[in-house]
Amino acid sequence: MSLVTQITTSPQAKSLESSRSFALSYNKLPISRLFFSKSIRKLTAPCSSISATILTKEANNNNVDKIPPAPIAFDFKSYMIEKARSVNQALDDAIVLREPLKLHESMRYSLLAGGKRVRPLLCIASCELVGGEQSTAMPSACAVEMIHTMSLIHDDLPCMDNDDLRRGKPTNHKKFGEDVAVLAGDALLSFAFEHVVTATPGASPERIVRVVGELAKCIGSEGLVGGQVVDICSEGLAEVGLEQLEYIHVHKTAVLLEAAVVMGAILGGGDDEQVEKLRKFARCIGLLFQVVDDILDVTQSSEQLGKTAGKDLVADKTTYPKLLGIEKSREMAEKLKKEAYEQLAGFDPVKTAPLIALADYIAYREN
């Protein structure tokens, strides 16, 4: 049974037939239809979550892995170093120091602070998979990283997660003040769209418009921002279940990885079928990313993570380890990885190697 399927209409939430992913159908159901009107306590959608599917023995037995073969000689480490170097240079070139100086210093401080650059790499890899060029994908890859950086700056603010450490350095508001940090995030958000529109070579206006629409949708009220709001409102509640947790993480984390992959596929000239297969791939690894993040938060130190460890526990947030335990969370991560592999069947195995390796990297990373 595929873990990424359309939402069912059966009211029997506990039956196997309705064990489908509510969270991965997020673009069909606005927040207002998912929760009681006065408090965010319980999902009202009539289906079980992808987590329930994974944790069902029968679903495990029936899930046949269709993993595309990976080339033996693919050097992922060299690939990561080369692509990350190109992305870092492009980001450095995109946002230069100019007036107002403090604002641009703040923007560059967080944008160029390092990081794994997973989202830009996914954008480039998906573009190249369907026959496109890195140069075509690079402005969108940078735009996704700018928006990701904006989300980190805002997420670290005292009114949100109130964090002092990010990527081993003081958070933006600790360095520049809360007021400038908020505005730096705003500036990164707006410039991301400008950069896609003005700097993308070799793509038709129609494809650029599609890319802009994809990016805007993923960060709005039914995307990243919506997920953040539900996360804030869920803190400290005793009745947060798997479906609601999935909703939060698919919106807060997975949507931006999905946008990165889909934008690359569109710009590379992918047809509708290819784009949708890559969308499903991205949804799996997006949720995988967050499951692994939750595990690392309770198994690694702050020094290993480069950010404050255990902060979800302190904030009384619901996480996968809290609901399922460490081992079941790891099982879920493995199933999501295999489901992601399955979406790549039918593509050129040589060109899928970076995406397969990136899925492995997300699954087995230690920070």
Protein backbone atom coordinates (compact mmCIF):
# COMPACT_ATOMS: atom_id res chain seq x y z
CA MET A 1 0.00 0.00 0.00
CA SER A 2 1.37 3.37 -0.94
CA LEU A 3 1.79 5.79 1.93
CA VAL A 4 1.13 8.77 -0.30
CA THR A 5 -2.40 8.50 -1.60
CA GLN A 6 -5.46 10.65 -1.95
CA ILE A 7 -7.58 11.30 1.12
CA THR A 8 -10.47 8.86 1.59
CA THR A 9 -14.04 9.69 2.45
CA SER A 10 -14.75 6.71 4.70
CA PRO A 11 -15.84 7.67 8.20
CA GLN A 12 -14.17 4.58 9.69
CA ALA A 13 -10.92 6.18 10.81
CA LYS A 14 -9.57 2.96 12.26
CA SER A 15 -10.05 0.76 9.21
CA LEU A 16 -7.13 -0.01 6.94
CA GLU A 17 -8.96 1.29 3.90
CA SER A 18 -9.05 4.77 5.45
CA SER A 19 -5.43 4.69 6.56
CA ARG A 20 -4.35 7.36 4.19
CA SER A 21 -2.36 10.51 4.72
CA PHE A 22 -4.46 13.42 5.83
CA ALA A 23 -1.41 15.62 6.06
CA LEU A 24 -0.29 14.97 2.51
CA SER A 25 -3.63 16.21 1.21
CA TYR A 26 -3.14 19.55 2.91
CA ASN A 27 -3.66 21.59 -0.24
CA LYS A 28 -7.24 20.34 -0.50
CA LEU A 29 -8.39 21.12 3.04
CA PRO A 30 -8.06 24.59 4.57
CA ILE A 31 -7.29 24.90 8.27
CA SER A 32 -10.80 26.09 9.07
CA ARG A 33 -12.25 22.70 8.10
CA LEU A 34 -9.81 20.67 10.15
CA PHE A 35 -10.30 21.97 13.66
CA PHE A 36 -13.07 22.88 16.02
CA SER A 37 -13.81 26.56 15.77
CA LYS A 38 -12.89 27.63 19.31
CA SER A 39 -9.79 25.61 20.09
CA ILE A 40 -7.24 23.56 18.27
CA ARG A 41 -7.56 20.25 20.03
CA LYS A 42 -8.54 17.53 17.61
CA LEU A 43 -8.72 16.96 13.86
CA THR A 44 -12.17 16.46 12.46
CA ALA A 45 -11.08 15.01 9.11
CA PRO A 46 -12.53 11.49 8.68
CA CYS A 47 -9.31 9.59 8.07
CA SER A 48 -6.23 8.20 9.75
CA SER A 49 -2.74 9.54 9.24
CA ILE A 50 0.23 8.31 7.31
CA SER A 51 1.71 7.44 10.69
CA ALA A 52 -1.13 5.04 11.40
CA THR A 53 -0.59 3.38 8.04
CA ILE A 54 3.09 2.89 8.71
CA LEU A 55 2.49 1.49 12.17
CA THR A 56 -0.12 -1.02 10.98
CA LYS A 57 1.35 -4.49 10.60
CA GLU A 58 -0.87 -5.38 7.67
CA ALA A 59 0.15 -2.21 5.84
CA ASN A 60 3.79 -3.09 6.42
CA ASN A 61 3.31 -6.56 4.99
CA ASN A 62 1.49 -5.34 1.89
CA ASN A 63 3.88 -2.50 1.06
CA VAL A 64 6.13 -3.69 -1.77
CA ASP A 65 9.22 -1.53 -2.13
CA LYS A 66 9.96 -0.42 -5.66
CA ILE A 67 13.36 1.07 -5.20
CA PRO A 68 15.06 2.26 -8.39
CA PRO A 69 18.64 1.03 -8.74
CA ALA A 70 21.28 3.60 -7.88
CA PRO A 71 24.54 3.86 -9.80
CA ILE A 72 27.38 2.19 -7.91
CA ALA A 73 29.93 4.94 -8.50
CA PHE A 74 27.92 7.97 -7.36
CA ASP A 75 30.05 10.15 -5.06
CA PHE A 76 27.48 11.91 -2.90
CA LYS A 77 30.01 13.71 -0.71
CA SER A 78 31.66 15.36 -3.70
CA TYR A 79 28.25 16.16 -5.18
CA MET A 80 27.15 17.87 -1.95
CA ILE A 81 30.36 19.88 -1.67
CA GLU A 82 30.25 21.02 -5.30
CA LYS A 83 26.56 21.95 -5.32
CA ALA A 84 26.67 23.62 -1.90
CA ARG A 85 29.66 25.70 -3.00
CA SER A 86 27.73 26.85 -6.08
CA VAL A 87 24.64 27.67 -4.00
CA ASN A 88 26.66 29.58 -1.40
CA GLN A 89 28.32 31.65 -4.11
CA ALA A 90 24.97 32.38 -5.74
CA LEU A 91 23.50 33.47 -2.41
CA ASP A 92 26.50 35.68 -1.71
CA ASP A 93 26.12 37.30 -5.14
CA ALA A 94 22.36 37.73 -4.81
CA ILE A 95 22.33 39.77 -1.60
CA VAL A 96 25.22 42.23 -1.35
CA LEU A 97 26.02 44.79 1.34
CA ARG A 98 24.28 48.07 0.56
CA GLU A 99 22.12 50.63 2.31
CA PRO A 100 20.43 50.20 4.70
CA LEU A 101 23.64 48.55 5.83
CA LYS A 102 22.36 47.05 9.08
CA LEU A 103 19.42 45.42 7.33
CA HIS A 104 21.58 43.78 4.67
CA GLU A 105 24.14 42.71 7.27
CA SER A 106 21.34 41.01 9.17
CA MET A 107 20.02 39.30 6.02
CA ARG A 108 23.49 38.04 5.06
CA TYR A 109 24.34 37.01 8.64
CA SER A 110 21.66 34.31 8.67
CA LEU A 111 21.59 33.50 4.95
CA LEU A 112 25.33 32.83 4.75
CA ALA A 113 25.68 31.18 8.17
CA GLY A 114 26.15 27.74 6.67
CA GLY A 115 23.61 24.98 6.77
CA LYS A 116 23.13 21.84 4.75
CA ARG A 117 21.51 23.58 1.74
CA VAL A 118 19.21 20.57 1.33
CA ARG A 119 16.40 22.59 -0.25
CA PRO A 120 18.51 24.25 -2.96
CA LEU A 121 20.15 20.91 -3.76
CA LEU A 122 16.74 19.28 -4.14
CA CYS A 123 15.66 22.04 -6.51
CA ILE A 124 18.75 21.64 -8.67
CA ALA A 125 18.65 17.82 -8.63
CA SER A 126 15.00 17.66 -9.70
CA CYS A 127 15.63 20.18 -12.49
CA GLU A 128 18.55 18.13 -13.79
CA LEU A 129 16.57 14.90 -13.44
CA VAL A 130 14.00 16.02 -16.04
CA GLY A 131 16.63 17.44 -18.41
CA GLY A 132 17.13 21.00 -17.17
CA GLU A 133 20.29 22.92 -16.30
CA GLN A 134 21.61 24.00 -12.91
CA SER A 135 21.78 27.61 -14.07
CA THR A 136 18.04 27.61 -14.74
CA ALA A 137 17.23 26.24 -11.29
CA MET A 138 19.74 28.29 -9.29
CA PRO A 139 17.64 31.47 -8.74
CA SER A 140 14.74 29.37 -7.47
CA ALA A 141 17.10 27.27 -5.36
CA CYS A 142 18.36 30.49 -3.78
CA ALA A 143 14.82 31.80 -3.32
CA VAL A 144 13.81 28.69 -1.41
CA GLU A 145 16.85 29.07 0.84
CA MET A 146 16.03 32.74 1.44
CA ILE A 147 12.53 31.81 2.54
CA HIS A 148 13.84 28.98 4.68
CA THR A 149 16.24 31.43 6.34
CA MET A 150 13.38 33.87 6.92
CA SER A 151 11.43 31.13 8.65
CA LEU A 152 14.39 30.33 10.92
CA ILE A 153 14.91 33.99 11.86
CA HIS A 154 11.24 34.38 12.76
CA ASP A 155 11.03 30.97 14.42
CA ASP A 156 13.88 31.89 16.79
CA LEU A 157 12.23 35.11 18.00
CA PRO A 158 11.18 35.42 21.68
CA CYS A 159 7.52 35.49 20.66
CA MET A 160 7.93 32.15 18.88
CA ASP A 161 10.51 29.53 19.98
CA ASN A 162 12.71 32.02 21.85
CA ASP A 163 16.01 30.44 20.80
CA ASP A 164 19.49 31.85 21.31
CA LEU A 165 21.48 29.50 19.06
CA ARG A 166 21.25 28.69 15.37
CA ARG A 167 23.87 26.86 13.31
CA GLY A 168 26.30 27.22 16.17
CA LYS A 169 25.99 31.03 16.28
CA PRO A 170 23.82 33.54 18.17
CA THR A 171 20.41 33.84 16.55
CA ASN A 172 19.69 36.88 14.39
CA HIS A 173 17.71 38.79 17.01
CA LYS A 174 20.49 38.25 19.55
CA LYS A 175 22.95 39.80 17.11
CA PHE A 176 20.87 42.60 15.58
CA GLY A 177 17.85 43.03 17.85
CA GLU A 178 14.28 41.80 17.46
CA ASP A 179 13.16 44.70 15.31
CA VAL A 180 15.87 44.29 12.68
CA ALA A 181 15.53 40.50 12.74
CA VAL A 182 11.83 40.71 11.90
CA LEU A 183 12.51 43.13 9.06
CA ALA A 184 15.44 41.09 7.72
CA GLY A 185 13.13 38.09 7.48
CA ASP A 186 10.52 40.20 5.69
CA ALA A 187 13.13 41.47 3.25
CA LEU A 188 14.38 37.96 2.48
CA LEU A 189 10.82 36.83 1.80
CA SER A 190 10.05 39.60 -0.67
CA PHE A 191 13.42 39.44 -2.40
CA ALA A 192 13.03 35.70 -2.98
CA PHE A 193 10.19 36.34 -5.42
CA GLU A 194 12.00 39.21 -7.10
CA HIS A 195 15.03 36.97 -7.60
CA VAL A 196 13.04 34.20 -9.28
CA VAL A 197 11.35 36.60 -11.68
CA THR A 198 14.37 38.73 -12.61
CA ALA A 199 17.26 36.24 -12.53
CA THR A 200 15.96 32.98 -14.03
CA PRO A 201 17.52 32.17 -17.44
CA GLY A 202 16.30 29.63 -19.98
CA ALA A 203 12.71 29.22 -18.80
CA SER A 204 9.50 30.39 -20.41
CA PRO A 205 7.38 33.08 -18.72
CA GLU A 206 4.65 30.46 -18.26
CA ARG A 207 6.93 28.19 -16.28
CA ILE A 208 8.24 31.08 -14.17
CA VAL A 209 4.66 32.06 -13.31
CA ARG A 210 3.95 28.46 -12.26
CA VAL A 211 7.05 28.48 -10.07
CA VAL A 212 6.08 31.75 -8.40
CA GLY A 213 2.61 30.37 -7.71
CA GLU A 214 4.06 27.18 -6.23
CA LEU A 215 6.38 29.14 -3.95
CA ALA A 216 3.67 31.56 -2.80
CA LYS A 217 1.24 28.75 -2.01
CA CYS A 218 3.73 26.83 0.12
CA ILE A 219 4.42 29.71 2.52
CA GLY A 220 0.96 31.20 2.98
CA SER A 221 -1.91 30.66 5.37
CA GLU A 222 -2.39 27.07 4.19
CA GLY A 223 1.34 26.38 4.06
CA LEU A 224 4.31 27.28 6.24
CA VAL A 225 2.59 30.12 8.10
CA GLY A 226 -0.52 28.05 8.75
CA GLY A 227 1.57 25.20 10.10
CA GLN A 228 3.42 27.56 12.41
CA VAL A 229 0.18 28.95 13.82
CA VAL A 230 -1.24 25.49 14.48
CA ASP A 231 2.06 24.52 16.13
CA ILE A 232 1.90 27.53 18.46
CA CYS A 233 -1.73 26.85 19.36
CA SER A 234 -0.97 23.18 20.04
CA GLU A 235 1.73 23.77 22.66
CA GLY A 236 0.84 22.32 26.02
CA LEU A 237 -2.34 20.58 24.81
CA ALA A 238 -2.83 17.02 26.01
CA GLU A 239 -4.91 15.81 23.05
CA VAL A 240 -2.55 16.39 20.11
CA GLY A 241 -2.59 13.17 18.07
CA LEU A 242 -0.68 11.87 15.07
CA GLU A 243 -2.94 13.47 12.47
CA GLN A 244 -2.63 16.93 13.97
CA LEU A 245 1.12 16.48 14.45
CA GLU A 246 1.42 15.47 10.81
CA TYR A 247 -0.56 18.52 9.74
CA ILE A 248 1.84 20.78 11.62
CA HIS A 249 4.99 19.21 10.22
CA VAL A 250 3.78 18.81 6.65
CA HIS A 251 2.97 22.51 6.66
CA LYS A 252 5.88 23.83 8.69
CA THR A 253 8.60 21.69 7.13
CA ALA A 254 7.54 19.49 4.23
CA VAL A 255 5.89 22.17 2.09
CA LEU A 256 9.13 24.05 1.48
CA LEU A 257 11.01 20.90 0.49
CA GLU A 258 8.09 20.03 -1.77
CA ALA A 259 8.20 23.48 -3.35
CA ALA A 260 11.95 23.14 -3.96
CA VAL A 261 11.55 19.84 -5.81
CA VAL A 262 8.47 20.87 -7.78
CA MET A 263 9.94 24.22 -8.79
CA GLY A 264 13.04 22.48 -10.11
CA ALA A 265 10.97 19.98 -12.06
CA ILE A 266 8.84 22.72 -13.62
CA LEU A 267 11.85 24.81 -14.62
CA GLY A 268 13.62 21.74 -16.03
CA GLY A 269 10.74 21.13 -18.44
CA GLY A 270 9.13 18.18 -16.67
CA ASP A 271 5.70 17.08 -17.84
CA ASP A 272 2.72 16.93 -15.50
CA GLU A 273 3.21 13.26 -14.66
CA GLN A 274 6.87 13.77 -13.79
CA VAL A 275 6.09 16.83 -11.69
CA GLU A 276 3.45 14.98 -9.66
CA LYS A 277 5.68 11.95 -9.05
CA LEU A 278 8.39 14.27 -7.80
CA ARG A 279 5.83 16.10 -5.67
CA LYS A 280 4.97 12.83 -3.92
CA PHE A 281 8.68 12.08 -3.49
CA ALA A 282 9.15 15.49 -1.88
CA ARG A 283 6.18 15.08 0.47
CA CYS A 284 7.68 11.86 1.78
CA ILE A 285 11.13 13.27 2.38
CA GLY A 286 9.63 16.45 3.81
CA LEU A 287 7.84 14.52 6.54
CA LEU A 288 10.91 12.29 6.89
CA PHE A 289 13.01 15.40 7.55
CA GLN A 290 10.80 16.41 10.47
CA VAL A 291 10.56 12.91 11.97
CA VAL A 292 14.36 12.74 11.99
CA ASP A 293 14.52 16.28 13.43
CA ASP A 294 12.27 15.19 16.32
CA ILE A 295 14.48 12.16 16.98
CA LEU A 296 17.66 14.22 16.93
CA ASP A 297 16.19 16.78 19.32
CA VAL A 298 16.05 14.14 22.06
CA THR A 299 19.13 12.07 21.16
CA GLN A 300 21.81 14.66 20.31
CA SER A 301 23.51 17.47 22.23
CA SER A 302 23.32 21.18 21.43
CA GLU A 303 26.93 21.03 20.26
CA GLN A 304 26.14 18.20 17.85
CA LEU A 305 23.01 19.90 16.53
CA GLY A 306 24.35 23.45 16.29
CA LYS A 307 21.13 24.58 17.96
CA THR A 308 19.47 24.12 21.33
CA ALA A 309 18.74 20.46 21.99
CA GLY A 310 15.66 19.37 23.91
CA LYS A 311 13.79 22.63 23.33
CA ASP A 312 10.63 20.80 22.17
CA LEU A 313 10.51 18.94 25.46
CA VAL A 314 10.96 22.15 27.43
CA ALA A 315 8.20 23.84 25.42
CA ASP A 316 5.94 20.81 25.99
CA LYS A 317 5.54 20.29 22.24
CA THR A 318 4.14 17.08 20.83
CA THR A 319 6.73 15.21 18.75
CA TYR A 320 6.92 11.83 17.07
CA PRO A 321 9.15 10.35 19.79
CA LYS A 322 6.75 11.67 22.42
CA LEU A 323 3.77 9.97 20.76
CA LEU A 324 5.41 6.85 19.32
CA GLY A 325 8.70 6.37 21.11
CA ILE A 326 12.14 6.46 19.52
CA GLU A 327 12.05 3.05 17.83
CA LYS A 328 8.61 3.46 16.24
CA SER A 329 9.67 6.91 15.05
CA ARG A 330 12.72 5.37 13.41
CA GLU A 331 10.53 2.74 11.77
CA MET A 332 8.31 5.48 10.41
CA ALA A 333 11.34 7.32 9.02
CA GLU A 334 12.50 4.18 7.23
CA LYS A 335 9.09 3.62 5.66
CA LEU A 336 8.91 7.22 4.46
CA LYS A 337 12.33 6.87 2.87
CA LYS A 338 11.30 3.73 1.01
CA GLU A 339 8.07 5.37 -0.16
CA ALA A 340 10.12 8.27 -1.48
CA TYR A 341 12.31 5.83 -3.43
CA GLU A 342 9.24 4.29 -5.00
CA GLN A 343 8.24 7.61 -6.58
CA LEU A 344 11.50 7.68 -8.54
CA ALA A 345 10.84 4.41 -10.36
CA GLY A 346 10.69 5.06 -14.11
CA PHE A 347 13.22 7.90 -14.14
CA ASP A 348 16.78 7.52 -15.42
CA PRO A 349 18.61 5.68 -12.58
CA VAL A 350 21.78 7.69 -13.16
CA LYS A 351 19.92 10.99 -12.80
CA THR A 352 17.94 9.83 -9.76
CA ALA A 353 21.14 9.08 -7.83
CA PRO A 354 21.37 12.57 -6.24
CA LEU A 355 17.74 12.45 -5.05
CA ILE A 356 18.14 8.94 -3.64
CA ALA A 357 21.34 10.00 -1.88
CA LEU A 358 19.65 13.14 -0.53
CA ALA A 359 16.81 11.03 0.87
CA ASP A 360 19.40 8.83 2.58
CA TYR A 361 21.19 11.90 3.89
CA ILE A 362 17.98 13.27 5.37
CA ALA A 363 17.18 9.91 6.94
CA TYR A 364 20.60 9.26 8.47
CA ARG A 365 21.91 12.73 9.28
CA GLU A 366 23.13 13.50 12.78
CA ASN A 367 22.42 17.23 12.94
